């Protein structure tokens, strides 16, 4: 077993499995315990989790269209499958982040609100607006005949900056998912960006470039707010960053491909 850990292919496969186990709720073969010691270094594979979720959701959307459902209905099913496949972890992060960053008067109170399992009015509104924008953009893309390519590009690219966010900002609280994973470091972060960009270009072509730049600005905005309001990042901040990137990318691709 120790010999296999040093072999490139098994290590890469283990990293892929760790990424899927961390970022999805998909049924997976049991991974050896020592594989999770590589959680930070395995962050390069996070775009792969987006690829898996997107392909399953795209299959559901294509099936819906084959049965004659309207683009809006197919888009709703795509979103439902994505949420089920990820356990709504990113949506939960968005809601908690908005509740905390806007509902608390100081750093400690903001972190306490983000940790609380209850959702406030800011979080509810963020979920409604976020899902509404994603649904609208997906409906437009499907109506324009574009589903799998943009969906994979967005899913991969929206997860690609998260390791860099973890590396650039310290954990904001002593415990939590973000600290448990560790800081991926420069190499894993750059590899995740390159992997996500390669998948996006492969599946969506040059149309994804401008939306990607807008998505990067959205992630930078979340990072800036996290730094000044809570002094770092948490798992909720990462979820919010993914959601903001996804929304921005979907809207940008919908405008580019439907025009």
Protein backbone atom coordinates (compact mmCIF):
# COMPACT_ATOMS: atom_id res chain seq x y z
CA UNK A 1 0.00 0.00 0.00
CA UNK A 2 2.82 2.40 0.83
CA UNK A 3 4.45 1.63 -2.52
CA UNK A 4 1.23 2.46 -4.39
CA UNK A 5 0.99 5.81 -2.61
CA UNK A 6 4.15 6.98 -4.38
CA UNK A 7 3.08 5.84 -7.83
CA UNK A 8 1.75 8.74 -9.94
CA UNK A 9 -1.38 7.09 -11.32
CA UNK A 10 -2.80 5.73 -8.03
CA UNK A 11 -2.07 9.07 -6.34
CA UNK A 12 -3.95 10.95 -9.06
CA UNK A 13 -6.88 8.55 -8.84
CA UNK A 14 -6.96 8.92 -5.07
CA UNK A 15 -6.96 12.70 -5.43
CA UNK A 16 -9.90 12.48 -7.82
CA UNK A 17 -11.75 10.27 -5.36
CA UNK A 18 -11.04 12.65 -2.48
CA UNK A 19 -12.30 15.61 -4.52
CA UNK A 20 -15.52 13.79 -5.38
CA UNK A 21 -16.01 12.66 -1.78
CA UNK A 22 -15.50 16.19 -0.47
CA UNK A 23 -17.52 18.19 -3.00
CA UNK A 24 -20.31 15.78 -3.98
CA UNK A 25 -22.73 13.30 -2.46
CA UNK A 26 -22.26 10.80 -5.26
CA UNK A 27 -21.93 7.12 -4.28
CA UNK A 28 -18.24 6.22 -4.44
CA UNK A 29 -16.05 3.22 -3.65
CA UNK A 30 -14.54 3.42 -0.19
CA UNK A 31 -11.22 5.24 -0.22
CA UNK A 32 -8.33 4.25 2.06
CA UNK A 33 -8.07 6.46 5.13
CA UNK A 34 -4.61 7.67 4.16
CA UNK A 35 -6.01 9.16 0.93
CA UNK A 36 -7.67 11.90 2.98
CA UNK A 37 -4.32 12.97 4.35
CA UNK A 38 -3.84 14.48 0.86
CA UNK A 39 -7.00 16.62 0.98
CA UNK A 40 -5.14 19.90 0.52
CA UNK A 41 -2.91 18.61 -2.28
CA UNK A 42 -5.91 16.93 -3.92
CA UNK A 43 -7.54 20.34 -4.40
CA UNK A 44 -6.16 20.41 -7.95
CA UNK A 45 -8.93 17.89 -8.79
CA UNK A 46 -11.84 20.03 -7.57
CA UNK A 47 -12.83 20.99 -11.14
CA UNK A 48 -13.26 17.25 -11.74
CA UNK A 49 -16.05 17.22 -9.16
CA UNK A 50 -17.75 19.94 -11.18
CA UNK A 51 -17.33 17.89 -14.34
CA UNK A 52 -19.00 14.85 -12.74
CA UNK A 53 -21.92 16.85 -11.36
CA UNK A 54 -22.41 18.71 -14.64
CA UNK A 55 -22.44 15.57 -16.79
CA UNK A 56 -25.10 13.95 -14.60
CA UNK A 57 -27.20 17.12 -14.58
CA UNK A 58 -26.81 17.54 -18.35
CA UNK A 59 -28.02 13.97 -18.89
CA UNK A 60 -31.12 14.76 -16.83
CA UNK A 61 -31.71 17.91 -18.85
CA UNK A 62 -31.28 16.11 -22.16
CA UNK A 63 -33.74 13.43 -21.03
CA UNK A 64 -36.25 16.10 -20.06
CA UNK A 65 -35.95 17.71 -23.49
CA UNK A 66 -36.33 14.31 -25.17
CA UNK A 67 -39.67 13.91 -23.39
CA UNK A 68 -40.83 17.25 -24.76
CA UNK A 69 -40.42 19.43 -21.68
CA UNK A 70 -39.89 23.14 -22.16
CA UNK A 71 -36.41 24.66 -21.69
CA UNK A 72 -37.47 26.25 -18.38
CA UNK A 73 -38.63 22.88 -17.03
CA UNK A 74 -35.46 21.16 -18.21
CA UNK A 75 -33.39 23.91 -16.56
CA UNK A 76 -35.24 23.35 -13.31
CA UNK A 77 -34.44 19.64 -13.42
CA UNK A 78 -30.79 20.40 -14.16
CA UNK A 79 -30.62 22.59 -11.07
CA UNK A 80 -32.40 19.97 -8.95
CA UNK A 81 -29.91 17.29 -9.98
CA UNK A 82 -26.95 19.57 -9.29
CA UNK A 83 -28.27 20.40 -5.84
CA UNK A 84 -28.94 16.74 -5.05
CA UNK A 85 -25.50 15.70 -6.31
CA UNK A 86 -23.70 18.25 -4.12
CA UNK A 87 -25.98 18.14 -1.10
CA UNK A 88 -26.62 21.88 -1.64
CA UNK A 89 -23.31 22.58 0.09
CA UNK A 90 -22.47 25.57 -2.10
CA UNK A 91 -25.97 27.05 -1.83
CA UNK A 92 -25.80 26.63 1.94
CA UNK A 93 -22.48 28.45 1.95
CA UNK A 94 -23.95 31.34 -0.02
CA UNK A 95 -26.89 31.69 2.36
CA UNK A 96 -24.72 31.51 5.49
CA UNK A 97 -22.18 33.96 4.07
CA UNK A 98 -24.75 36.58 3.17
CA UNK A 99 -26.48 36.18 6.54
CA UNK A 100 -23.20 36.51 8.42
CA UNK A 101 -21.42 39.23 6.48
CA UNK A 102 -24.50 41.46 6.38
CA UNK A 103 -26.23 40.45 9.62
CA UNK A 104 -23.39 40.74 12.13
CA UNK A 105 -22.00 43.91 13.63
CA UNK A 106 -18.50 42.58 14.35
CA UNK A 107 -16.22 39.70 13.34
CA UNK A 108 -17.19 37.33 16.14
CA UNK A 109 -20.91 37.88 15.61
CA UNK A 110 -20.57 37.37 11.87
CA UNK A 111 -18.76 34.08 12.36
CA UNK A 112 -21.36 32.97 14.90
CA UNK A 113 -24.19 33.71 12.47
CA UNK A 114 -22.42 31.82 9.68
CA UNK A 115 -22.00 28.80 11.94
CA UNK A 116 -25.67 28.84 13.03
CA UNK A 117 -27.76 26.28 11.14
CA UNK A 118 -30.74 28.64 10.98
CA UNK A 119 -31.18 30.81 7.92
CA UNK A 120 -32.08 34.49 8.03
CA UNK A 121 -33.82 36.84 5.65
CA UNK A 122 -30.58 37.81 3.89
CA UNK A 123 -29.80 34.16 3.26
CA UNK A 124 -33.29 33.39 1.96
CA UNK A 125 -33.14 36.31 -0.44
CA UNK A 126 -29.67 35.28 -1.62
CA UNK A 127 -30.90 31.77 -2.38
CA UNK A 128 -33.98 33.02 -4.23
CA UNK A 129 -31.99 35.47 -6.33
CA UNK A 130 -29.14 33.02 -6.94
CA UNK A 131 -31.39 30.14 -8.02
CA UNK A 132 -33.55 32.50 -10.05
CA UNK A 133 -30.59 33.87 -11.99
CA UNK A 134 -29.15 30.40 -12.59
CA UNK A 135 -32.54 29.09 -13.71
CA UNK A 136 -33.07 32.00 -16.08
CA UNK A 137 -29.60 31.69 -17.61
CA UNK A 138 -29.87 27.92 -17.99
CA UNK A 139 -33.27 28.29 -19.64
CA UNK A 140 -31.78 30.72 -22.14
CA UNK A 141 -28.84 28.43 -22.87
CA UNK A 142 -31.09 25.40 -23.38
CA UNK A 143 -33.42 27.40 -25.63
CA UNK A 144 -30.35 28.35 -27.69
CA UNK A 145 -29.43 24.67 -28.04
CA UNK A 146 -26.52 24.77 -25.61
CA UNK A 147 -26.57 22.53 -22.54
CA UNK A 148 -23.71 20.11 -21.84
CA UNK A 149 -20.82 22.29 -22.98
CA UNK A 150 -21.69 25.42 -20.99
CA UNK A 151 -22.81 23.38 -17.99
CA UNK A 152 -19.49 21.52 -17.76
CA UNK A 153 -17.47 24.67 -18.38
CA UNK A 154 -19.27 26.56 -15.62
CA UNK A 155 -19.17 23.70 -13.12
CA UNK A 156 -15.44 23.13 -13.59
CA UNK A 157 -14.41 26.76 -13.78
CA UNK A 158 -16.48 27.89 -10.77
CA UNK A 159 -14.64 25.39 -8.54
CA UNK A 160 -11.17 26.08 -9.95
CA UNK A 161 -10.39 29.27 -7.94
CA UNK A 162 -11.41 27.82 -4.55
CA UNK A 163 -8.00 26.28 -3.73
CA UNK A 164 -6.34 29.62 -4.51
CA UNK A 165 -8.82 31.36 -2.21
CA UNK A 166 -7.90 28.91 0.57
CA UNK A 167 -4.21 29.53 -0.05
CA UNK A 168 -4.46 33.32 -0.22
CA UNK A 169 -6.65 33.79 2.87
CA UNK A 170 -6.10 32.21 6.29
CA UNK A 171 -8.90 30.23 7.97
CA UNK A 172 -11.15 32.66 9.82
CA UNK A 173 -11.98 30.30 12.71
CA UNK A 174 -10.05 27.63 14.64
CA UNK A 175 -12.20 24.72 13.48
CA UNK A 176 -14.39 23.99 10.49
CA UNK A 177 -14.10 22.32 7.13
CA UNK A 178 -11.67 24.81 5.64
CA UNK A 179 -9.07 24.40 8.41
CA UNK A 180 -9.56 20.61 8.46
CA UNK A 181 -8.68 20.38 4.77
CA UNK A 182 -5.63 22.60 5.07
CA UNK A 183 -4.20 25.17 2.67
CA UNK A 184 -3.56 23.67 -0.77
CA UNK A 185 -0.53 25.79 -1.59
CA UNK A 186 0.62 27.41 -4.81
CA UNK A 187 1.18 24.30 -6.93
CA UNK A 188 -2.19 22.69 -6.22
CA UNK A 189 -3.97 26.03 -6.62
CA UNK A 190 -2.38 26.77 -9.99
CA UNK A 191 -3.04 23.20 -11.14
CA UNK A 192 -6.73 23.59 -10.24
CA UNK A 193 -6.94 26.84 -12.21
CA UNK A 194 -5.22 25.28 -15.22
CA UNK A 195 -7.39 22.15 -15.06
CA UNK A 196 -10.60 24.17 -14.76
CA UNK A 197 -9.59 26.48 -17.60
CA UNK A 198 -8.69 23.55 -19.84
CA UNK A 199 -12.05 21.86 -19.23
CA UNK A 200 -13.90 25.12 -19.83
CA UNK A 201 -12.13 25.81 -23.12
CA UNK A 202 -12.59 22.21 -24.23
CA UNK A 203 -16.34 22.20 -23.60
CA UNK A 204 -17.31 25.83 -24.31
CA UNK A 205 -14.55 27.21 -26.52
CA UNK A 206 -13.51 30.84 -26.67
CA UNK A 207 -16.98 32.03 -25.65
CA UNK A 208 -16.05 31.28 -22.03
CA UNK A 209 -13.11 33.71 -21.85
CA UNK A 210 -14.97 36.94 -21.06
CA UNK A 211 -17.41 35.24 -18.66
CA UNK A 212 -14.39 33.68 -16.94
CA UNK A 213 -12.86 37.11 -16.37
CA UNK A 214 -16.15 38.33 -14.91
CA UNK A 215 -16.33 35.22 -12.73
CA UNK A 216 -12.81 35.91 -11.46
CA UNK A 217 -13.90 39.41 -10.43
CA UNK A 218 -16.87 37.92 -8.58
CA UNK A 219 -14.57 35.58 -6.64
CA UNK A 220 -12.20 38.44 -5.86
CA UNK A 221 -15.16 40.43 -4.54
CA UNK A 222 -16.15 37.60 -2.19
CA UNK A 223 -12.51 37.24 -1.07
CA UNK A 224 -12.23 40.97 -0.35
CA UNK A 225 -15.42 41.01 1.72
CA UNK A 226 -14.31 37.93 3.64
CA UNK A 227 -10.94 39.48 4.43
CA UNK A 228 -12.28 42.79 5.71
CA UNK A 229 -15.32 41.41 7.56
CA UNK A 230 -14.09 38.17 9.14
CA UNK A 231 -10.34 38.23 8.51
CA UNK A 232 -10.16 35.13 6.30
CA UNK A 233 -12.09 32.32 4.68
CA UNK A 234 -14.37 29.52 5.83
CA UNK A 235 -16.17 26.68 4.10
CA UNK A 236 -19.18 28.99 3.73
CA UNK A 237 -17.04 31.63 2.04
CA UNK A 238 -15.81 29.00 -0.42
CA UNK A 239 -19.40 27.98 -1.16
CA UNK A 240 -20.41 31.59 -1.71
CA UNK A 241 -17.44 32.14 -4.03
CA UNK A 242 -18.41 29.08 -6.09
CA UNK A 243 -22.00 30.27 -6.36
CA UNK A 244 -21.06 33.82 -7.35
CA UNK A 245 -18.68 32.47 -9.98
CA UNK A 246 -21.33 30.05 -11.30
CA UNK A 247 -24.00 32.74 -11.54
CA UNK A 248 -21.64 35.14 -13.31
CA UNK A 249 -20.39 32.48 -15.73
CA UNK A 250 -23.89 31.29 -16.60
CA UNK A 251 -25.12 34.81 -17.26
CA UNK A 252 -22.06 35.61 -19.35
CA UNK A 253 -22.33 32.45 -21.44
CA UNK A 254 -26.05 32.93 -21.89
CA UNK A 255 -25.43 36.41 -23.25
CA UNK A 256 -22.60 35.21 -25.48
CA UNK A 257 -24.33 32.13 -26.92
CA UNK A 258 -27.88 33.46 -27.21
CA UNK A 259 -27.02 36.68 -29.00
